[in-house]
Amino acid sequence: MCPYRLVLEHVTSRWGVLVLIALLDRPYRFSELRREVGRIGRNVSEKMLTQTLQTLQRDGLVHREARPVIPPHVEYSLTDLGREAAEQVRGLALWTQERMADVERARHAYDEARAAADATRAS
């Protein structure tokens, strides 16, 4: 697989999108980020959030800062590269939200045409 396609897969994955959009607002601690991702999308398991953050960190999109205090304070934020990617993803998410009525109409028309074609073949 081409390297850029792998990064595209990371950025546009179910959790990658939500993490990037959430981190556009501000840095988050892990538990805060998990709640925020659940608020804007769906609940994410600790394991999936950890894997997503590690992947985005490896790609240079997310910065992890661990402060040596008790209890440990770990905060996640976007790098400059991550902010650029997150802006692009947010634009696509906003477009999807704005155009959802058009998508629903297209789906309905497709389903009706498909049902009519199936009915014709069955008779």
Protein backbone atom coordinates (compact mmCIF):
# COMPACT_ATOMS: atom_id res chain seq x y z
CA MET A 1 0.00 0.00 0.00
CA CYS A 2 1.26 3.49 -0.84
CA PRO A 3 2.37 5.43 2.26
CA TYR A 4 0.01 8.34 1.58
CA ARG A 5 -2.97 5.97 1.36
CA LEU A 6 -2.11 4.57 4.78
CA VAL A 7 -2.06 8.08 6.29
CA LEU A 8 -5.33 8.86 4.52
CA GLU A 9 -6.79 5.73 6.08
CA HIS A 10 -5.63 6.84 9.54
CA VAL A 11 -7.00 10.36 9.15
CA THR A 12 -10.35 9.26 7.72
CA SER A 13 -10.95 6.28 9.98
CA ARG A 14 -14.05 6.33 12.17
CA TRP A 15 -12.10 7.36 15.26
CA GLY A 16 -9.37 9.35 13.52
CA VAL A 17 -11.91 11.81 12.16
CA LEU A 18 -13.57 12.32 15.53
CA VAL A 19 -10.29 12.65 17.43
CA LEU A 20 -8.91 15.20 14.99
CA ILE A 21 -12.11 17.27 15.04
CA ALA A 22 -12.24 17.19 18.86
CA LEU A 23 -8.62 18.26 19.21
CA LEU A 24 -9.21 21.28 16.97
CA ASP A 25 -10.97 22.94 19.92
CA ARG A 26 -8.25 22.44 22.52
CA PRO A 27 -5.88 19.90 24.08
CA TYR A 28 -7.53 17.11 26.06
CA ARG A 29 -6.58 14.62 28.69
CA PHE A 30 -7.40 11.03 27.73
CA SER A 31 -10.65 10.69 29.67
CA GLU A 32 -11.85 14.13 28.55
CA LEU A 33 -11.08 13.26 24.93
CA ARG A 34 -12.95 9.97 25.24
CA ARG A 35 -16.03 11.81 26.51
CA GLU A 36 -15.75 14.46 23.79
CA VAL A 37 -15.45 11.86 21.02
CA GLY A 38 -18.56 10.18 22.45
CA ARG A 39 -20.37 13.50 22.47
CA ILE A 40 -19.65 14.36 18.84
CA GLY A 41 -19.85 10.84 17.46
CA ARG A 42 -20.06 7.50 19.15
CA ASN A 43 -18.61 6.07 22.33
CA VAL A 44 -15.11 4.76 21.81
CA SER A 45 -13.42 2.08 23.89
CA GLU A 46 -10.23 2.91 25.76
CA LYS A 47 -8.36 0.42 23.59
CA MET A 48 -9.54 1.96 20.30
CA LEU A 49 -8.86 5.50 21.49
CA THR A 50 -5.37 4.50 22.63
CA GLN A 51 -4.64 2.83 19.29
CA THR A 52 -6.00 5.79 17.34
CA LEU A 53 -3.96 8.28 19.34
CA GLN A 54 -0.79 6.20 18.94
CA THR A 55 -1.33 5.93 15.19
CA LEU A 56 -1.97 9.66 14.80
CA GLN A 57 1.01 10.41 17.03
CA ARG A 58 3.25 8.17 14.91
CA ASP A 59 2.05 9.98 11.77
CA GLY A 60 3.04 13.30 13.37
CA LEU A 61 -0.52 14.59 13.72
CA VAL A 62 -0.99 14.34 17.49
CA HIS A 63 1.38 15.40 20.25
CA ARG A 64 1.36 13.55 23.58
CA GLU A 65 2.69 15.45 26.56
CA ALA A 66 3.21 13.58 29.82
CA ARG A 67 3.86 15.77 32.84
CA PRO A 68 5.78 14.13 35.69
CA VAL A 69 3.25 14.78 38.44
CA ILE A 70 1.24 12.49 40.67
CA PRO A 71 -1.13 11.34 39.38
CA PRO A 72 0.40 11.47 35.89
CA HIS A 73 -1.03 14.19 33.68
CA VAL A 74 -1.05 13.27 29.98
CA GLU A 75 -2.46 15.69 27.46
CA TYR A 76 -3.07 15.28 23.73
CA SER A 77 -3.01 18.11 21.22
CA LEU A 78 -2.63 18.61 17.50
CA THR A 79 0.70 19.33 15.88
CA ASP A 80 0.78 21.93 13.10
CA LEU A 81 0.50 19.07 10.59
CA GLY A 82 -2.38 17.60 12.59
CA ARG A 83 -4.20 20.93 12.69
CA GLU A 84 -3.92 21.19 8.92
CA ALA A 85 -5.33 17.67 8.48
CA ALA A 86 -8.07 18.28 11.06
CA GLU A 87 -9.23 21.42 9.24
CA GLN A 88 -9.59 19.39 6.05
CA VAL A 89 -11.49 16.62 7.82
CA ARG A 90 -13.77 19.11 9.56
CA GLY A 91 -14.55 20.71 6.19
CA LEU A 92 -15.63 17.34 4.84
CA ALA A 93 -17.68 16.64 7.98
CA LEU A 94 -19.43 20.02 7.67
CA TRP A 95 -20.12 19.43 3.98
CA THR A 96 -21.65 16.04 4.82
CA GLN A 97 -23.85 17.62 7.47
CA GLU A 98 -24.97 20.43 5.15
CA ARG A 99 -25.70 18.11 2.23
CA MET A 100 -27.33 15.26 4.13
CA ALA A 101 -30.81 16.08 2.80
CA ASP A 102 -29.49 15.73 -0.76
CA VAL A 103 -27.85 12.42 0.12
CA GLU A 104 -31.09 11.15 1.66
CA ARG A 105 -33.04 12.12 -1.48
CA ALA A 106 -30.49 10.33 -3.67
CA ARG A 107 -30.65 7.23 -1.48
CA HIS A 108 -34.45 7.21 -1.59
CA ALA A 109 -34.48 7.57 -5.40
CA TYR A 110 -31.90 4.79 -5.75
CA ASP A 111 -33.81 2.44 -3.43
CA GLU A 112 -37.09 3.07 -5.29
CA ALA A 113 -35.47 2.45 -8.67
CA ARG A 114 -33.80 -0.69 -7.36
CA ALA A 115 -37.05 -2.02 -5.90
CA ALA A 116 -38.86 -1.34 -9.18
CA ALA A 117 -36.14 -3.15 -11.14
CA ASP A 118 -36.25 -6.11 -8.73
CA ALA A 119 -40.05 -6.27 -9.03
CA THR A 120 -39.80 -6.25 -12.83
CA ARG A 121 -37.24 -9.08 -12.82
CA ALA A 122 -39.34 -11.12 -10.38
CA SER A 123 -42.47 -10.99 -12.55
